Amino acid sequence: MLPVKKKSKCAKRKRRSHHALKAPNLVPCPKCGNSKLPHAACDMCGYVSGKQMLVTETASEE
């Protein structure tokens, strides 16, 4: 079934107002200081909560 009346630009834009992207929440890594997602392994050093979880090229050199 088709809509009976046209949606105005204002009504359309009000409906889509929450569709905007939000910036990810980044925290500094306690080991190396680079930005990382919270509760995730650091891309540079591979540490999570003081334990090494990922083996990275920079971590293997140390």
PDB file of N, CA and C in Angstrom:
ATOM      1  N   MET A   1       0.845  -1.178   0.000  1.00  0.00           N
ATOM      2  CA  MET A   1       0.000   0.000   0.000  1.00  0.00           C
ATOM      3  C   MET A   1       0.892   1.243   0.000  1.00  0.00           C
ATOM      4  N   LEU A   2       0.560   2.224  -0.788  1.00  0.00           N
ATOM      5  CA  LEU A   2       1.338   3.438  -0.901  1.00  0.00           C
ATOM      6  C   LEU A   2       0.939   4.453   0.164  1.00  0.00           C
ATOM      7  N   PRO A   3       1.867   5.345   0.557  1.00  0.00           N
ATOM      8  CA  PRO A   3       1.503   6.385   1.512  1.00  0.00           C
ATOM      9  C   PRO A   3       0.478   7.346   0.904  1.00  0.00           C
ATOM     10  N   VAL A   4      -0.430   7.791   1.732  1.00  0.00           N
ATOM     11  CA  VAL A   4      -1.492   8.671   1.252  1.00  0.00           C
ATOM     12  C   VAL A   4      -0.941  10.074   0.995  1.00  0.00           C
ATOM     13  N   LYS A   5      -0.082  10.563   1.899  1.00  0.00           N
ATOM     14  CA  LYS A   5       0.469  11.901   1.737  1.00  0.00           C
ATOM     15  C   LYS A   5       1.991  11.841   1.733  1.00  0.00           C
ATOM     16  N   LYS A   6       2.583  12.819   1.087  1.00  0.00           N
ATOM     17  CA  LYS A   6       4.044  12.896   1.009  1.00  0.00           C
ATOM     18  C   LYS A   6       4.617  13.281   2.376  1.00  0.00           C
ATOM     19  N   LYS A   7       5.712  12.620   2.772  1.00  0.00           N
ATOM     20  CA  LYS A   7       6.429  13.002   3.987  1.00  0.00           C
ATOM     21  C   LYS A   7       7.207  14.275   3.699  1.00  0.00           C
ATOM     22  N   SER A   8       7.095  15.246   4.584  1.00  0.00           N
ATOM     23  CA  SER A   8       7.834  16.489   4.375  1.00  0.00           C
ATOM     24  C   SER A   8       9.315  16.267   4.666  1.00  0.00           C
ATOM     25  N   LYS A   9      10.150  17.186   4.174  1.00  0.00           N
ATOM     26  CA  LYS A   9      11.588  17.095   4.425  1.00  0.00           C
ATOM     27  C   LYS A   9      11.870  17.152   5.926  1.00  0.00           C
ATOM     28  N   CYS A  10      11.143  17.974   6.623  1.00  0.00           N
ATOM     29  CA  CYS A  10      11.341  18.142   8.063  1.00  0.00           C
ATOM     30  C   CYS A  10      11.045  16.841   8.806  1.00  0.00           C
ATOM     31  N   ALA A  11       9.942  16.196   8.479  1.00  0.00           N
ATOM     32  CA  ALA A  11       9.575  14.949   9.159  1.00  0.00           C
ATOM     33  C   ALA A  11      10.580  13.846   8.834  1.00  0.00           C
ATOM     34  N   LYS A  12      11.040  13.813   7.594  1.00  0.00           N
ATOM     35  CA  LYS A  12      12.015  12.812   7.175  1.00  0.00           C
ATOM     36  C   LYS A  12      13.330  13.007   7.926  1.00  0.00           C
ATOM     37  N   ARG A  13      13.760  14.260   8.035  1.00  0.00           N
ATOM     38  CA  ARG A  13      15.039  14.547   8.692  1.00  0.00           C
ATOM     39  C   ARG A  13      14.954  14.363  10.202  1.00  0.00           C
ATOM     40  N   LYS A  14      13.816  14.615  10.805  1.00  0.00           N
ATOM     41  CA  LYS A  14      13.640  14.354  12.242  1.00  0.00           C
ATOM     42  C   LYS A  14      13.744  12.861  12.517  1.00  0.00           C
ATOM     43  N   ARG A  15      13.178  12.072  11.657  1.00  0.00           N
ATOM     44  CA  ARG A  15      13.218  10.616  11.830  1.00  0.00           C
ATOM     45  C   ARG A  15      14.642  10.092  11.705  1.00  0.00           C
ATOM     46  N   ARG A  16      15.418  10.701  10.822  1.00  0.00           N
ATOM     47  CA  ARG A  16      16.776  10.226  10.579  1.00  0.00           C
ATOM     48  C   ARG A  16      17.823  10.925  11.451  1.00  0.00           C
ATOM     49  N   SER A  17      17.414  11.706  12.415  1.00  0.00           N
ATOM     50  CA  SER A  17      18.367  12.494  13.196  1.00  0.00           C
ATOM     51  C   SER A  17      19.310  11.621  14.017  1.00  0.00           C
ATOM     52  N   HIS A  18      18.914  10.422  14.378  1.00  0.00           N
ATOM     53  CA  HIS A  18      19.766   9.544  15.178  1.00  0.00           C
ATOM     54  C   HIS A  18      20.626   8.612  14.326  1.00  0.00           C
ATOM     55  N   HIS A  19      20.618   8.769  13.012  1.00  0.00           N
ATOM     56  CA  HIS A  19      21.392   7.901  12.122  1.00  0.00           C
ATOM     57  C   HIS A  19      22.856   8.346  11.982  1.00  0.00           C
ATOM     58  N   ALA A  20      23.224   9.468  12.597  1.00  0.00           N
ATOM     59  CA  ALA A  20      24.586   9.980  12.454  1.00  0.00           C
ATOM     60  C   ALA A  20      25.572   9.034  13.138  1.00  0.00           C
ATOM     61  N   LEU A  21      26.770   8.928  12.586  1.00  0.00           N
ATOM     62  CA  LEU A  21      27.802   8.084  13.176  1.00  0.00           C
ATOM     63  C   LEU A  21      28.443   8.793  14.358  1.00  0.00           C
ATOM     64  N   LYS A  22      28.809   8.005  15.359  1.00  0.00           N
ATOM     65  CA  LYS A  22      29.472   8.555  16.535  1.00  0.00           C
ATOM     66  C   LYS A  22      30.927   8.107  16.531  1.00  0.00           C
ATOM     67  N   ALA A  23      31.798   8.936  17.046  1.00  0.00           N
ATOM     68  CA  ALA A  23      33.218   8.597  17.123  1.00  0.00           C
ATOM     69  C   ALA A  23      33.422   7.494  18.159  1.00  0.00           C
ATOM     70  N   PRO A  24      34.327   6.539  17.900  1.00  0.00           N
ATOM     71  CA  PRO A  24      34.550   5.472  18.873  1.00  0.00           C
ATOM     72  C   PRO A  24      35.229   6.010  20.122  1.00  0.00           C
ATOM     73  N   ASN A  25      34.905   5.408  21.263  1.00  0.00           N
ATOM     74  CA  ASN A  25      35.504   5.794  22.529  1.00  0.00           C
ATOM     75  C   ASN A  25      36.882   5.160  22.624  1.00  0.00           C
ATOM     76  N   LEU A  26      37.927   5.974  22.637  1.00  0.00           N
ATOM     77  CA  LEU A  26      39.292   5.471  22.697  1.00  0.00           C
ATOM     78  C   LEU A  26      39.912   5.804  24.043  1.00  0.00           C
ATOM     79  N   VAL A  27      40.719   4.881  24.559  1.00  0.00           N
ATOM     80  CA  VAL A  27      41.431   5.091  25.816  1.00  0.00           C
ATOM     81  C   VAL A  27      42.912   4.840  25.565  1.00  0.00           C
ATOM     82  N   PRO A  28      43.797   5.463  26.348  1.00  0.00           N
ATOM     83  CA  PRO A  28      45.230   5.200  26.147  1.00  0.00           C
ATOM     84  C   PRO A  28      45.618   3.831  26.709  1.00  0.00           C
ATOM     85  N   CYS A  29      46.505   3.151  26.027  1.00  0.00           N
ATOM     86  CA  CYS A  29      47.020   1.861  26.484  1.00  0.00           C
ATOM     87  C   CYS A  29      47.934   2.111  27.681  1.00  0.00           C
ATOM     88  N   PRO A  30      47.739   1.394  28.802  1.00  0.00           N
ATOM     89  CA  PRO A  30      48.601   1.636  29.964  1.00  0.00           C
ATOM     90  C   PRO A  30      50.046   1.196  29.735  1.00  0.00           C
ATOM     91  N   LYS A  31      50.278   0.290  28.803  1.00  0.00           N
ATOM     92  CA  LYS A  31      51.630  -0.223  28.559  1.00  0.00           C
ATOM     93  C   LYS A  31      52.426   0.703  27.648  1.00  0.00           C
ATOM     94  N   CYS A  32      51.854   1.051  26.470  1.00  0.00           N
ATOM     95  CA  CYS A  32      52.614   1.837  25.485  1.00  0.00           C
ATOM     96  C   CYS A  32      52.060   3.242  25.260  1.00  0.00           C
ATOM     97  N   GLY A  33      50.823   3.534  25.698  1.00  0.00           N
ATOM     98  CA  GLY A  33      50.268   4.878  25.571  1.00  0.00           C
ATOM     99  C   GLY A  33      49.522   5.153  24.285  1.00  0.00           C
ATOM    100  N   ASN A  34      49.468   4.195  23.363  1.00  0.00           N
ATOM    101  CA  ASN A  34      48.716   4.405  22.125  1.00  0.00           C
ATOM    102  C   ASN A  34      47.220   4.275  22.372  1.00  0.00           C
ATOM    103  N   SER A  35      46.409   4.869  21.501  1.00  0.00           N
ATOM    104  CA  SER A  35      44.960   4.792  21.639  1.00  0.00           C
ATOM    105  C   SER A  35      44.470   3.400  21.270  1.00  0.00           C
ATOM    106  N   LYS A  36      43.471   2.909  22.042  1.00  0.00           N
ATOM    107  CA  LYS A  36      42.883   1.602  21.766  1.00  0.00           C
ATOM    108  C   LYS A  36      41.449   1.608  22.255  1.00  0.00           C
ATOM    109  N   LEU A  37      40.673   0.633  21.814  1.00  0.00           N
ATOM    110  CA  LEU A  37      39.312   0.487  22.296  1.00  0.00           C
ATOM    111  C   LEU A  37      39.345  -0.081  23.714  1.00  0.00           C
ATOM    112  N   PRO A  38      38.421   0.336  24.583  1.00  0.00           N
ATOM    113  CA  PRO A  38      38.412  -0.224  25.930  1.00  0.00           C
ATOM    114  C   PRO A  38      38.075  -1.710  25.906  1.00  0.00           C
ATOM    115  N   HIS A  39      38.646  -2.479  26.814  1.00  0.00           N
ATOM    116  CA  HIS A  39      38.444  -3.928  26.941  1.00  0.00           C
ATOM    117  C   HIS A  39      38.885  -4.683  25.693  1.00  0.00           C
ATOM    118  N   ALA A  40      39.854  -4.148  24.968  1.00  0.00           N
ATOM    119  CA  ALA A  40      40.367  -4.798  23.762  1.00  0.00           C
ATOM    120  C   ALA A  40      41.883  -4.765  23.803  1.00  0.00           C
ATOM    121  N   ALA A  41      42.496  -5.681  23.054  1.00  0.00           N
ATOM    122  CA  ALA A  41      43.953  -5.735  22.999  1.00  0.00           C
ATOM    123  C   ALA A  41      44.487  -4.549  22.211  1.00  0.00           C
ATOM    124  N   CYS A  42      45.621  -4.042  22.643  1.00  0.00           N
ATOM    125  CA  CYS A  42      46.287  -2.936  21.950  1.00  0.00           C
ATOM    126  C   CYS A  42      46.884  -3.463  20.648  1.00  0.00           C
ATOM    127  N   ASP A  43      46.753  -2.687  19.576  1.00  0.00           N
ATOM    128  CA  ASP A  43      47.290  -3.100  18.281  1.00  0.00           C
ATOM    129  C   ASP A  43      48.815  -3.036  18.250  1.00  0.00           C
ATOM    130  N   MET A  44      49.407  -2.160  19.042  1.00  0.00           N
ATOM    131  CA  MET A  44      50.855  -1.990  19.014  1.00  0.00           C
ATOM    132  C   MET A  44      51.579  -3.024  19.874  1.00  0.00           C
ATOM    133  N   CYS A  45      51.142  -3.186  21.124  1.00  0.00           N
ATOM    134  CA  CYS A  45      51.892  -4.067  22.028  1.00  0.00           C
ATOM    135  C   CYS A  45      51.174  -5.383  22.316  1.00  0.00           C
ATOM    136  N   GLY A  46      49.849  -5.470  22.101  1.00  0.00           N
ATOM    137  CA  GLY A  46      49.111  -6.715  22.290  1.00  0.00           C
ATOM    138  C   GLY A  46      48.693  -6.993  23.715  1.00  0.00           C
ATOM    139  N   TYR A  47      48.793  -6.005  24.602  1.00  0.00           N
ATOM    140  CA  TYR A  47      48.463  -6.222  26.002  1.00  0.00           C
ATOM    141  C   TYR A  47      47.007  -5.876  26.293  1.00  0.00           C
ATOM    142  N   VAL A  48      46.393  -6.647  27.221  1.00  0.00           N
ATOM    143  CA  VAL A  48      45.068  -6.371  27.753  1.00  0.00           C
ATOM    144  C   VAL A  48      45.169  -6.591  29.251  1.00  0.00           C
ATOM    145  N   SER A  49      44.856  -5.591  30.046  1.00  0.00           N
ATOM    146  CA  SER A  49      44.869  -5.680  31.513  1.00  0.00           C
ATOM    147  C   SER A  49      46.206  -6.192  32.041  1.00  0.00           C
ATOM    148  N   GLY A  50      47.300  -5.763  31.469  1.00  0.00           N
ATOM    149  CA  GLY A  50      48.613  -6.145  31.950  1.00  0.00           C
ATOM    150  C   GLY A  50      49.128  -7.492  31.498  1.00  0.00           C
ATOM    151  N   LYS A  51      48.363  -8.208  30.682  1.00  0.00           N
ATOM    152  CA  LYS A  51      48.787  -9.520  30.177  1.00  0.00           C
ATOM    153  C   LYS A  51      48.893  -9.447  28.654  1.00  0.00           C
ATOM    154  N   GLN A  52      49.913 -10.090  28.106  1.00  0.00           N
ATOM    155  CA  GLN A  52      50.058 -10.089  26.655  1.00  0.00           C
ATOM    156  C   GLN A  52      49.136 -11.146  26.062  1.00  0.00           C
ATOM    157  N   MET A  53      48.213 -10.693  25.208  1.00  0.00           N
ATOM    158  CA  MET A  53      47.239 -11.587  24.588  1.00  0.00           C
ATOM    159  C   MET A  53      47.516 -11.787  23.101  1.00  0.00           C
ATOM    160  N   LEU A  54      48.099 -10.798  22.447  1.00  0.00           N
ATOM    161  CA  LEU A  54      48.404 -10.880  21.024  1.00  0.00           C
ATOM    162  C   LEU A  54      49.914 -10.770  20.826  1.00  0.00           C
ATOM    163  N   VAL A  55      50.426 -11.543  19.906  1.00  0.00           N
ATOM    164  CA  VAL A  55      51.837 -11.421  19.555  1.00  0.00           C
ATOM    165  C   VAL A  55      51.924 -10.520  18.339  1.00  0.00           C
ATOM    166  N   THR A  56      52.542  -9.354  18.520  1.00  0.00           N
ATOM    167  CA  THR A  56      52.684  -8.403  17.428  1.00  0.00           C
ATOM    168  C   THR A  56      54.152  -8.300  17.058  1.00  0.00           C
ATOM    169  N   GLU A  57      54.428  -7.646  15.932  1.00  0.00           N
ATOM    170  CA  GLU A  57      55.817  -7.491  15.477  1.00  0.00           C
ATOM    171  C   GLU A  57      56.626  -6.667  16.479  1.00  0.00           C
ATOM    172  N   THR A  58      56.024  -5.600  17.007  1.00  0.00           N
ATOM    173  CA  THR A  58      56.745  -4.760  17.968  1.00  0.00           C
ATOM    174  C   THR A  58      56.941  -5.493  19.298  1.00  0.00           C
ATOM    175  N   ALA A  59      55.986  -6.336  19.692  1.00  0.00           N
ATOM    176  CA  ALA A  59      56.112  -7.082  20.948  1.00  0.00           C
ATOM    177  C   ALA A  59      57.149  -8.182  20.819  1.00  0.00           C
ATOM    178  N   SER A  60      57.272  -8.780  19.635  1.00  0.00           N
ATOM    179  CA  SER A  60      58.248  -9.859  19.457  1.00  0.00           C
ATOM    180  C   SER A  60      59.683  -9.333  19.405  1.00  0.00           C
ATOM    181  N   GLU A  61      59.850  -8.048  19.028  1.00  0.00           N
ATOM    182  CA  GLU A  61      61.176  -7.442  18.979  1.00  0.00           C
ATOM    183  C   GLU A  61      61.716  -7.156  20.371  1.00  0.00           C
ATOM    184  N   GLU A  62      60.818  -6.907  21.340  1.00  0.00           N
ATOM    185  CA  GLU A  62      61.241  -6.540  22.700  1.00  0.00           C
ATOM    186  C   GLU A  62      61.794  -7.697  23.462  1.00  0.00           C
TER     187      GLU A  62
END
